[in-house]
Amino acid sequence: MKASKSYNSRYRRDLIQSYLKNEAIVLDVRSQQEWNLGHMENFKHIEFRDIKGKLDYLKALDKPIVAVCISGMRSGQVVEHLVREGIDAINGGSWQNVAELMN
């Protein structure tokens, strides 16, 4: 997996759509309570606080990642960490933003 240098994409719809077409995993990093209030079934859910412990799992998936949360703040932090770890990832912003692009 090649790490993306474009994690500051600021939710570029064209880039997100490109990742989705290339079978990217959408990683929702919201809390369990936030997830319970609404989510997409096909998104993977790993809470922000648990990401470091799931790096081996995410690397083993061997797919690009579009990270999401509520506003893009936590997902942006997660993407910076994933890219440092060699995982190709971009920030999708809010989970609703990416869900809309999938319809």
PDB file of N, CA and C in Angstrom:
ATOM      1  N   MET A   1       0.838  -1.179   0.000  1.00  0.00           N
ATOM      2  CA  MET A   1       0.000   0.000   0.000  1.00  0.00           C
ATOM      3  C   MET A   1       0.881   1.240   0.000  1.00  0.00           C
ATOM      4  N   LYS A   2       0.596   2.139  -0.900  1.00  0.00           N
ATOM      5  CA  LYS A   2       1.337   3.390  -0.966  1.00  0.00           C
ATOM      6  C   LYS A   2       0.595   4.446  -0.162  1.00  0.00           C
ATOM      7  N   ALA A   3       1.282   5.143   0.705  1.00  0.00           N
ATOM      8  CA  ALA A   3       0.648   6.161   1.533  1.00  0.00           C
ATOM      9  C   ALA A   3       0.330   7.396   0.702  1.00  0.00           C
ATOM     10  N   SER A   4      -0.842   7.936   0.932  1.00  0.00           N
ATOM     11  CA  SER A   4      -1.263   9.141   0.238  1.00  0.00           C
ATOM     12  C   SER A   4      -0.621  10.367   0.869  1.00  0.00           C
ATOM     13  N   LYS A   5      -0.261  11.324   0.050  1.00  0.00           N
ATOM     14  CA  LYS A   5       0.237  12.589   0.565  1.00  0.00           C
ATOM     15  C   LYS A   5      -0.884  13.624   0.541  1.00  0.00           C
ATOM     16  N   SER A   6      -2.079  13.208   0.215  1.00  0.00           N
ATOM     17  CA  SER A   6      -3.170  14.152   0.037  1.00  0.00           C
ATOM     18  C   SER A   6      -4.200  14.069   1.149  1.00  0.00           C
ATOM     19  N   TYR A   7      -3.772  13.762   2.359  1.00  0.00           N
ATOM     20  CA  TYR A   7      -4.742  13.628   3.432  1.00  0.00           C
ATOM     21  C   TYR A   7      -5.359  14.957   3.816  1.00  0.00           C
ATOM     22  N   ASN A   8      -4.811  16.075   3.351  1.00  0.00           N
ATOM     23  CA  ASN A   8      -5.409  17.388   3.591  1.00  0.00           C
ATOM     24  C   ASN A   8      -6.414  17.737   2.504  1.00  0.00           C
ATOM     25  N   SER A   9      -7.013  16.759   1.895  1.00  0.00           N
ATOM     26  CA  SER A   9      -7.869  16.964   0.730  1.00  0.00           C
ATOM     27  C   SER A   9      -9.055  17.884   1.005  1.00  0.00           C
ATOM     28  N   ARG A  10      -9.369  18.138   2.256  1.00  0.00           N
ATOM     29  CA  ARG A  10     -10.522  18.954   2.634  1.00  0.00           C
ATOM     30  C   ARG A  10     -11.775  18.458   1.935  1.00  0.00           C
ATOM     31  N   TYR A  11     -11.904  17.169   1.935  1.00  0.00           N
ATOM     32  CA  TYR A  11     -13.124  16.511   1.508  1.00  0.00           C
ATOM     33  C   TYR A  11     -13.433  16.722   0.025  1.00  0.00           C
ATOM     34  N   ARG A  12     -12.395  16.678  -0.798  1.00  0.00           N
ATOM     35  CA  ARG A  12     -12.596  16.796  -2.244  1.00  0.00           C
ATOM     36  C   ARG A  12     -13.458  15.646  -2.726  1.00  0.00           C
ATOM     37  N   ARG A  13     -14.615  15.977  -3.207  1.00  0.00           N
ATOM     38  CA  ARG A  13     -15.577  14.958  -3.633  1.00  0.00           C
ATOM     39  C   ARG A  13     -15.006  14.058  -4.728  1.00  0.00           C
ATOM     40  N   ASP A  14     -14.272  14.646  -5.669  1.00  0.00           N
ATOM     41  CA  ASP A  14     -13.718  13.840  -6.751  1.00  0.00           C
ATOM     42  C   ASP A  14     -12.693  12.840  -6.234  1.00  0.00           C
ATOM     43  N   LEU A  15     -11.892  13.255  -5.276  1.00  0.00           N
ATOM     44  CA  LEU A  15     -10.897  12.351  -4.696  1.00  0.00           C
ATOM     45  C   LEU A  15     -11.574  11.249  -3.889  1.00  0.00           C
ATOM     46  N   ILE A  16     -12.567  11.614  -3.116  1.00  0.00           N
ATOM     47  CA  ILE A  16     -13.300  10.612  -2.322  1.00  0.00           C
ATOM     48  C   ILE A  16     -13.954   9.595  -3.262  1.00  0.00           C
ATOM     49  N   GLN A  17     -14.603  10.074  -4.319  1.00  0.00           N
ATOM     50  CA  GLN A  17     -15.251   9.167  -5.268  1.00  0.00           C
ATOM     51  C   GLN A  17     -14.237   8.248  -5.939  1.00  0.00           C
ATOM     52  N   SER A  18     -13.066   8.776  -6.237  1.00  0.00           N
ATOM     53  CA  SER A  18     -12.008   7.959  -6.830  1.00  0.00           C
ATOM     54  C   SER A  18     -11.598   6.848  -5.870  1.00  0.00           C
ATOM     55  N   TYR A  19     -11.432   7.172  -4.612  1.00  0.00           N
ATOM     56  CA  TYR A  19     -11.082   6.162  -3.609  1.00  0.00           C
ATOM     57  C   TYR A  19     -12.187   5.116  -3.505  1.00  0.00           C
ATOM     58  N   LEU A  20     -13.431   5.557  -3.469  1.00  0.00           N
ATOM     59  CA  LEU A  20     -14.543   4.617  -3.356  1.00  0.00           C
ATOM     60  C   LEU A  20     -14.600   3.679  -4.563  1.00  0.00           C
ATOM     61  N   LYS A  21     -14.331   4.197  -5.752  1.00  0.00           N
ATOM     62  CA  LYS A  21     -14.324   3.356  -6.952  1.00  0.00           C
ATOM     63  C   LYS A  21     -13.188   2.341  -6.908  1.00  0.00           C
ATOM     64  N   ASN A  22     -12.139   2.658  -6.174  1.00  0.00           N
ATOM     65  CA  ASN A  22     -11.003   1.745  -6.025  1.00  0.00           C
ATOM     66  C   ASN A  22     -11.119   0.880  -4.776  1.00  0.00           C
ATOM     67  N   GLU A  23     -12.368   0.632  -4.384  1.00  0.00           N
ATOM     68  CA  GLU A  23     -12.685  -0.289  -3.289  1.00  0.00           C
ATOM     69  C   GLU A  23     -12.121   0.146  -1.945  1.00  0.00           C
ATOM     70  N   ALA A  24     -12.084   1.453  -1.707  1.00  0.00           N
ATOM     71  CA  ALA A  24     -11.636   1.947  -0.407  1.00  0.00           C
ATOM     72  C   ALA A  24     -12.605   1.518   0.685  1.00  0.00           C
ATOM     73  N   ILE A  25     -12.061   1.342   1.849  1.00  0.00           N
ATOM     74  CA  ILE A  25     -12.852   1.065   3.041  1.00  0.00           C
ATOM     75  C   ILE A  25     -13.206   2.410   3.662  1.00  0.00           C
ATOM     76  N   VAL A  26     -14.463   2.589   4.031  1.00  0.00           N
ATOM     77  CA  VAL A  26     -14.851   3.789   4.754  1.00  0.00           C
ATOM     78  C   VAL A  26     -14.770   3.454   6.235  1.00  0.00           C
ATOM     79  N   LEU A  27     -13.908   4.182   6.930  1.00  0.00           N
ATOM     80  CA  LEU A  27     -13.635   3.942   8.344  1.00  0.00           C
ATOM     81  C   LEU A  27     -14.263   5.055   9.164  1.00  0.00           C
ATOM     82  N   ASP A  28     -15.285   4.720   9.923  1.00  0.00           N
ATOM     83  CA  ASP A  28     -15.988   5.680  10.771  1.00  0.00           C
ATOM     84  C   ASP A  28     -15.351   5.636  12.154  1.00  0.00           C
ATOM     85  N   VAL A  29     -14.800   6.772  12.591  1.00  0.00           N
ATOM     86  CA  VAL A  29     -14.046   6.799  13.857  1.00  0.00           C
ATOM     87  C   VAL A  29     -14.822   7.475  14.989  1.00  0.00           C
ATOM     88  N   ARG A  30     -16.128   7.627  14.815  1.00  0.00           N
ATOM     89  CA  ARG A  30     -16.945   8.235  15.865  1.00  0.00           C
ATOM     90  C   ARG A  30     -17.079   7.300  17.070  1.00  0.00           C
ATOM     91  N   SER A  31     -17.544   7.872  18.167  1.00  0.00           N
ATOM     92  CA  SER A  31     -17.769   7.075  19.376  1.00  0.00           C
ATOM     93  C   SER A  31     -18.930   6.106  19.150  1.00  0.00           C
ATOM     94  N   GLN A  32     -19.056   5.131  20.026  1.00  0.00           N
ATOM     95  CA  GLN A  32     -20.154   4.163  19.918  1.00  0.00           C
ATOM     96  C   GLN A  32     -21.499   4.868  20.021  1.00  0.00           C
ATOM     97  N   GLN A  33     -21.608   5.848  20.913  1.00  0.00           N
ATOM     98  CA  GLN A  33     -22.873   6.574  21.065  1.00  0.00           C
ATOM     99  C   GLN A  33     -23.228   7.316  19.773  1.00  0.00           C
ATOM    100  N   GLU A  34     -22.231   7.938  19.138  1.00  0.00           N
ATOM    101  CA  GLU A  34     -22.472   8.640  17.877  1.00  0.00           C
ATOM    102  C   GLU A  34     -22.878   7.653  16.781  1.00  0.00           C
ATOM    103  N   TRP A  35     -22.196   6.532  16.733  1.00  0.00           N
ATOM    104  CA  TRP A  35     -22.501   5.475  15.753  1.00  0.00           C
ATOM    105  C   TRP A  35     -23.935   4.995  15.923  1.00  0.00           C
ATOM    106  N   ASN A  36     -24.351   4.804  17.172  1.00  0.00           N
ATOM    107  CA  ASN A  36     -25.696   4.308  17.452  1.00  0.00           C
ATOM    108  C   ASN A  36     -26.783   5.278  16.993  1.00  0.00           C
ATOM    109  N   LEU A  37     -26.457   6.568  16.899  1.00  0.00           N
ATOM    110  CA  LEU A  37     -27.436   7.566  16.466  1.00  0.00           C
ATOM    111  C   LEU A  37     -27.677   7.539  14.958  1.00  0.00           C
ATOM    112  N   GLY A  38     -26.774   6.918  14.232  1.00  0.00           N
ATOM    113  CA  GLY A  38     -26.932   6.799  12.784  1.00  0.00           C
ATOM    114  C   GLY A  38     -25.619   6.432  12.140  1.00  0.00           C
ATOM    115  N   HIS A  39     -25.686   5.535  11.168  1.00  0.00           N
ATOM    116  CA  HIS A  39     -24.476   5.099  10.472  1.00  0.00           C
ATOM    117  C   HIS A  39     -24.854   4.338   9.204  1.00  0.00           C
ATOM    118  N   MET A  40     -23.849   4.077   8.394  1.00  0.00           N
ATOM    119  CA  MET A  40     -24.016   3.246   7.205  1.00  0.00           C
ATOM    120  C   MET A  40     -23.506   1.848   7.564  1.00  0.00           C
ATOM    121  N   GLU A  41     -24.287   0.854   7.233  1.00  0.00           N
ATOM    122  CA  GLU A  41     -23.941  -0.526   7.587  1.00  0.00           C
ATOM    123  C   GLU A  41     -22.625  -0.984   6.963  1.00  0.00           C
ATOM    124  N   ASN A  42     -22.301  -0.490   5.757  1.00  0.00           N
ATOM    125  CA  ASN A  42     -21.093  -0.983   5.091  1.00  0.00           C
ATOM    126  C   ASN A  42     -19.829  -0.219   5.495  1.00  0.00           C
ATOM    127  N   PHE A  43     -19.946   0.736   6.408  1.00  0.00           N
ATOM    128  CA  PHE A  43     -18.762   1.417   6.936  1.00  0.00           C
ATOM    129  C   PHE A  43     -18.164   0.568   8.063  1.00  0.00           C
ATOM    130  N   LYS A  44     -16.847   0.564   8.153  1.00  0.00           N
ATOM    131  CA  LYS A  44     -16.191  -0.100   9.291  1.00  0.00           C
ATOM    132  C   LYS A  44     -16.159   0.900  10.440  1.00  0.00           C
ATOM    133  N   HIS A  45     -16.440   0.423  11.633  1.00  0.00           N
ATOM    134  CA  HIS A  45     -16.466   1.301  12.800  1.00  0.00           C
ATOM    135  C   HIS A  45     -15.350   0.922  13.765  1.00  0.00           C
ATOM    136  N   ILE A  46     -14.418   1.848  13.932  1.00  0.00           N
ATOM    137  CA  ILE A  46     -13.384   1.718  14.955  1.00  0.00           C
ATOM    138  C   ILE A  46     -13.303   3.083  15.628  1.00  0.00           C
ATOM    139  N   GLU A  47     -13.567   3.119  16.896  1.00  0.00           N
ATOM    140  CA  GLU A  47     -13.550   4.398  17.599  1.00  0.00           C
ATOM    141  C   GLU A  47     -12.173   5.049  17.523  1.00  0.00           C
ATOM    142  N   PHE A  48     -12.177   6.360  17.463  1.00  0.00           N
ATOM    143  CA  PHE A  48     -10.966   7.178  17.399  1.00  0.00           C
ATOM    144  C   PHE A  48      -9.921   6.705  18.414  1.00  0.00           C
ATOM    145  N   ARG A  49     -10.360   6.492  19.626  1.00  0.00           N
ATOM    146  CA  ARG A  49      -9.425   6.123  20.706  1.00  0.00           C
ATOM    147  C   ARG A  49      -8.804   4.740  20.520  1.00  0.00           C
ATOM    148  N   ASP A  50      -9.380   3.914  19.647  1.00  0.00           N
ATOM    149  CA  ASP A  50      -8.910   2.539  19.466  1.00  0.00           C
ATOM    150  C   ASP A  50      -8.062   2.333  18.210  1.00  0.00           C
ATOM    151  N   ILE A  51      -7.850   3.374  17.429  1.00  0.00           N
ATOM    152  CA  ILE A  51      -7.164   3.239  16.139  1.00  0.00           C
ATOM    153  C   ILE A  51      -5.763   2.655  16.284  1.00  0.00           C
ATOM    154  N   LYS A  52      -4.976   3.161  17.224  1.00  0.00           N
ATOM    155  CA  LYS A  52      -3.590   2.685  17.355  1.00  0.00           C
ATOM    156  C   LYS A  52      -3.528   1.189  17.589  1.00  0.00           C
ATOM    157  N   GLY A  53      -4.471   0.655  18.323  1.00  0.00           N
ATOM    158  CA  GLY A  53      -4.503  -0.773  18.588  1.00  0.00           C
ATOM    159  C   GLY A  53      -4.997  -1.610  17.421  1.00  0.00           C
ATOM    160  N   LYS A  54      -5.521  -0.966  16.398  1.00  0.00           N
ATOM    161  CA  LYS A  54      -6.074  -1.678  15.239  1.00  0.00           C
ATOM    162  C   LYS A  54      -5.237  -1.491  13.975  1.00  0.00           C
ATOM    163  N   LEU A  55      -4.036  -0.945  14.110  1.00  0.00           N
ATOM    164  CA  LEU A  55      -3.199  -0.689  12.934  1.00  0.00           C
ATOM    165  C   LEU A  55      -2.878  -1.957  12.154  1.00  0.00           C
ATOM    166  N   ASP A  56      -2.531  -3.028  12.837  1.00  0.00           N
ATOM    167  CA  ASP A  56      -2.214  -4.277  12.139  1.00  0.00           C
ATOM    168  C   ASP A  56      -3.433  -4.779  11.364  1.00  0.00           C
ATOM    169  N   TYR A  57      -4.600  -4.687  11.966  1.00  0.00           N
ATOM    170  CA  TYR A  57      -5.848  -5.083  11.303  1.00  0.00           C
ATOM    171  C   TYR A  57      -6.066  -4.243  10.045  1.00  0.00           C
ATOM    172  N   LEU A  58      -5.911  -2.924  10.170  1.00  0.00           N
ATOM    173  CA  LEU A  58      -6.132  -2.036   9.028  1.00  0.00           C
ATOM    174  C   LEU A  58      -5.106  -2.281   7.921  1.00  0.00           C
ATOM    175  N   LYS A  59      -3.860  -2.518   8.299  1.00  0.00           N
ATOM    176  CA  LYS A  59      -2.832  -2.821   7.298  1.00  0.00           C
ATOM    177  C   LYS A  59      -3.148  -4.128   6.582  1.00  0.00           C
ATOM    178  N   ALA A  60      -3.640  -5.107   7.310  1.00  0.00           N
ATOM    179  CA  ALA A  60      -3.943  -6.415   6.728  1.00  0.00           C
ATOM    180  C   ALA A  60      -5.087  -6.340   5.713  1.00  0.00           C
ATOM    181  N   LEU A  61      -5.954  -5.361   5.830  1.00  0.00           N
ATOM    182  CA  LEU A  61      -7.041  -5.203   4.867  1.00  0.00           C
ATOM    183  C   LEU A  61      -6.497  -4.866   3.486  1.00  0.00           C
ATOM    184  N   ASP A  62      -5.325  -4.229   3.446  1.00  0.00           N
ATOM    185  CA  ASP A  62      -4.623  -3.892   2.206  1.00  0.00           C
ATOM    186  C   ASP A  62      -5.532  -3.166   1.204  1.00  0.00           C
ATOM    187  N   LYS A  63      -6.249  -2.182   1.710  1.00  0.00           N
ATOM    188  CA  LYS A  63      -7.133  -1.363   0.882  1.00  0.00           C
ATOM    189  C   LYS A  63      -6.945   0.093   1.280  1.00  0.00           C
ATOM    190  N   PRO A  64      -7.214   1.008   0.336  1.00  0.00           N
ATOM    191  CA  PRO A  64      -7.195   2.421   0.728  1.00  0.00           C
ATOM    192  C   PRO A  64      -8.332   2.702   1.712  1.00  0.00           C
ATOM    193  N   ILE A  65      -8.191   3.776   2.460  1.00  0.00           N
ATOM    194  CA  ILE A  65      -9.160   4.110   3.502  1.00  0.00           C
ATOM    195  C   ILE A  65      -9.634   5.542   3.332  1.00  0.00           C
ATOM    196  N   VAL A  66     -10.955   5.719   3.481  1.00  0.00           N
ATOM    197  CA  VAL A  66     -11.563   7.042   3.595  1.00  0.00           C
ATOM    198  C   VAL A  66     -12.089   7.123   5.025  1.00  0.00           C
ATOM    199  N   ALA A  67     -11.465   7.954   5.842  1.00  0.00           N
ATOM    200  CA  ALA A  67     -11.873   8.076   7.247  1.00  0.00           C
ATOM    201  C   ALA A  67     -12.930   9.168   7.389  1.00  0.00           C
ATOM    202  N   VAL A  68     -13.915   8.913   8.261  1.00  0.00           N
ATOM    203  CA  VAL A  68     -15.002   9.863   8.501  1.00  0.00           C
ATOM    204  C   VAL A  68     -15.303   9.960   9.990  1.00  0.00           C
ATOM    205  N   CYS A  69     -15.944  11.058  10.359  1.00  0.00           N
ATOM    206  CA  CYS A  69     -16.447  11.237  11.729  1.00  0.00           C
ATOM    207  C   CYS A  69     -17.667  12.147  11.631  1.00  0.00           C
ATOM    208  N   ILE A  70     -17.781  13.132  12.514  1.00  0.00           N
ATOM    209  CA  ILE A  70     -18.900  14.079  12.426  1.00  0.00           C
ATOM    210  C   ILE A  70     -18.515  15.285  11.579  1.00  0.00           C
ATOM    211  N   SER A  71     -17.363  15.857  11.867  1.00  0.00           N
ATOM    212  CA  SER A  71     -16.978  17.105  11.198  1.00  0.00           C
ATOM    213  C   SER A  71     -15.727  16.992  10.342  1.00  0.00           C
ATOM    214  N   GLY A  72     -14.960  15.946  10.526  1.00  0.00           N
ATOM    215  CA  GLY A  72     -13.697  15.800   9.817  1.00  0.00           C
ATOM    216  C   GLY A  72     -12.479  16.041  10.692  1.00  0.00           C
ATOM    217  N   MET A  73     -12.683  16.466  11.921  1.00  0.00           N
ATOM    218  CA  MET A  73     -11.551  16.730  12.809  1.00  0.00           C
ATOM    219  C   MET A  73     -10.868  15.436  13.264  1.00  0.00           C
ATOM    220  N   ARG A  74     -11.625  14.538  13.857  1.00  0.00           N
ATOM    221  CA  ARG A  74     -11.024  13.278  14.330  1.00  0.00           C
ATOM    222  C   ARG A  74     -10.547  12.432  13.169  1.00  0.00           C
ATOM    223  N   SER A  75     -11.339  12.389  12.096  1.00  0.00           N
ATOM    224  CA  SER A  75     -10.920  11.587  10.942  1.00  0.00           C
ATOM    225  C   SER A  75      -9.646  12.155  10.337  1.00  0.00           C
ATOM    226  N   GLY A  76      -9.480  13.460  10.374  1.00  0.00           N
ATOM    227  CA  GLY A  76      -8.238  14.071   9.889  1.00  0.00           C
ATOM    228  C   GLY A  76      -7.040  13.640  10.709  1.00  0.00           C
ATOM    229  N   GLN A  77      -7.212  13.591  12.013  1.00  0.00           N
ATOM    230  CA  GLN A  77      -6.128  13.143  12.891  1.00  0.00           C
ATOM    231  C   GLN A  77      -5.804  11.677  12.631  1.00  0.00           C
ATOM    232  N   VAL A  78      -6.835  10.870  12.441  1.00  0.00           N
ATOM    233  CA  VAL A  78      -6.634   9.450  12.160  1.00  0.00           C
ATOM    234  C   VAL A  78      -5.885   9.282  10.840  1.00  0.00           C
ATOM    235  N   VAL A  79      -6.263  10.027   9.833  1.00  0.00           N
ATOM    236  CA  VAL A  79      -5.616   9.912   8.521  1.00  0.00           C
ATOM    237  C   VAL A  79      -4.136  10.279   8.631  1.00  0.00           C
ATOM    238  N   GLU A  80      -3.814  11.332   9.339  1.00  0.00           N
ATOM    239  CA  GLU A  80      -2.405  11.699   9.515  1.00  0.00           C
ATOM    240  C   GLU A  80      -1.628  10.535  10.121  1.00  0.00           C
ATOM    241  N   HIS A  81      -2.207   9.881  11.109  1.00  0.00           N
ATOM    242  CA  HIS A  81      -1.549   8.743  11.757  1.00  0.00           C
ATOM    243  C   HIS A  81      -1.426   7.557  10.793  1.00  0.00           C
ATOM    244  N   LEU A  82      -2.507   7.258  10.065  1.00  0.00           N
ATOM    245  CA  LEU A  82      -2.475   6.128   9.130  1.00  0.00           C
ATOM    246  C   LEU A  82      -1.430   6.349   8.042  1.00  0.00           C
ATOM    247  N   VAL A  83      -1.368   7.549   7.510  1.00  0.00           N
ATOM    248  CA  VAL A  83      -0.395   7.853   6.452  1.00  0.00           C
ATOM    249  C   VAL A  83       1.023   7.689   6.987  1.00  0.00           C
ATOM    250  N   ARG A  84       1.277   8.143   8.210  1.00  0.00           N
ATOM    251  CA  ARG A  84       2.608   7.949   8.821  1.00  0.00           C
ATOM    252  C   ARG A  84       2.947   6.472   8.946  1.00  0.00           C
ATOM    253  N   GLU A  85       1.922   5.638   9.095  1.00  0.00           N
ATOM    254  CA  GLU A  85       2.121   4.190   9.232  1.00  0.00           C
ATOM    255  C   GLU A  85       2.162   3.481   7.880  1.00  0.00           C
ATOM    256  N   GLY A  86       2.095   4.244   6.784  1.00  0.00           N
ATOM    257  CA  GLY A  86       2.196   3.656   5.455  1.00  0.00           C
ATOM    258  C   GLY A  86       0.885   3.201   4.849  1.00  0.00           C
ATOM    259  N   ILE A  87      -0.224   3.616   5.412  1.00  0.00           N
ATOM    260  CA  ILE A  87      -1.541   3.242   4.903  1.00  0.00           C
ATOM    261  C   ILE A  87      -2.066   4.368   4.021  1.00  0.00           C
ATOM    262  N   ASP A  88      -2.552   4.019   2.850  1.00  0.00           N
ATOM    263  CA  ASP A  88      -3.122   4.989   1.923  1.00  0.00           C
ATOM    264  C   ASP A  88      -4.488   5.412   2.461  1.00  0.00           C
ATOM    265  N   ALA A  89      -4.605   6.666   2.905  1.00  0.00           N
ATOM    266  CA  ALA A  89      -5.836   7.130   3.534  1.00  0.00           C
ATOM    267  C   ALA A  89      -6.069   8.604   3.238  1.00  0.00           C
ATOM    268  N   ILE A  90      -7.352   8.955   3.146  1.00  0.00           N
ATOM    269  CA  ILE A  90      -7.750  10.357   3.009  1.00  0.00           C
ATOM    270  C   ILE A  90      -8.884  10.648   3.985  1.00  0.00           C
ATOM    271  N   ASN A  91      -9.091  11.919   4.238  1.00  0.00           N
ATOM    272  CA  ASN A  91     -10.150  12.367   5.130  1.00  0.00           C
ATOM    273  C   ASN A  91     -11.406  12.642   4.313  1.00  0.00           C
ATOM    274  N   GLY A  92     -12.471  11.924   4.618  1.00  0.00           N
ATOM    275  CA  GLY A  92     -13.739  12.128   3.927  1.00  0.00           C
ATOM    276  C   GLY A  92     -14.637  13.150   4.589  1.00  0.00           C
ATOM    277  N   GLY A  93     -14.230  13.660   5.751  1.00  0.00           N
ATOM    278  CA  GLY A  93     -15.069  14.629   6.466  1.00  0.00           C
ATOM    279  C   GLY A  93     -16.158  13.919   7.245  1.00  0.00           C
ATOM    280  N   SER A  94     -17.365  14.441   7.128  1.00  0.00           N
ATOM    281  CA  SER A  94     -18.482  13.849   7.882  1.00  0.00           C
ATOM    282  C   SER A  94     -18.928  12.540   7.236  1.00  0.00           C
ATOM    283  N   TRP A  95     -19.451  11.658   8.053  1.00  0.00           N
ATOM    284  CA  TRP A  95     -19.904  10.370   7.540  1.00  0.00           C
ATOM    285  C   TRP A  95     -21.062  10.563   6.559  1.00  0.00           C
ATOM    286  N   GLN A  96     -21.897  11.591   6.797  1.00  0.00           N
ATOM    287  CA  GLN A  96     -23.010  11.844   5.889  1.00  0.00           C
ATOM    288  C   GLN A  96     -22.510  12.292   4.508  1.00  0.00           C
ATOM    289  N   ASN A  97     -21.403  13.038   4.499  1.00  0.00           N
ATOM    290  CA  ASN A  97     -20.813  13.482   3.242  1.00  0.00           C
ATOM    291  C   ASN A  97     -20.464  12.283   2.362  1.00  0.00           C
ATOM    292  N   VAL A  98     -19.817  11.304   2.929  1.00  0.00           N
ATOM    293  CA  VAL A  98     -19.407  10.124   2.163  1.00  0.00           C
ATOM    294  C   VAL A  98     -20.609   9.244   1.857  1.00  0.00           C
ATOM    295  N   ALA A  99     -21.538   9.120   2.791  1.00  0.00           N
ATOM    296  CA  ALA A  99     -22.744   8.324   2.534  1.00  0.00           C
ATOM    297  C   ALA A  99     -23.506   8.885   1.334  1.00  0.00           C
ATOM    298  N   GLU A 100     -23.569  10.202   1.225  1.00  0.00           N
ATOM    299  CA  GLU A 100     -24.241  10.855   0.108  1.00  0.00           C
ATOM    300  C   GLU A 100     -23.581  10.515  -1.222  1.00  0.00           C
ATOM    301  N   LEU A 101     -22.257  10.449  -1.225  1.00  0.00           N
ATOM    302  CA  LEU A 101     -21.522  10.130  -2.444  1.00  0.00           C
ATOM    303  C   LEU A 101     -21.728   8.676  -2.880  1.00  0.00           C
ATOM    304  N   MET A 102     -22.119   7.834  -1.964  1.00  0.00           N
ATOM    305  CA  MET A 102     -22.297   6.411  -2.276  1.00  0.00           C
ATOM    306  C   MET A 102     -23.679   6.105  -2.848  1.00  0.00           C
ATOM    307  N   ASN A 103     -24.568   7.056  -2.786  1.00  0.00           N
ATOM    308  CA  ASN A 103     -25.943   6.842  -3.286  1.00  0.00           C
ATOM    309  C   ASN A 103     -26.057   7.192  -4.741  1.00  0.00           C
TER     310      ASN A 103
END
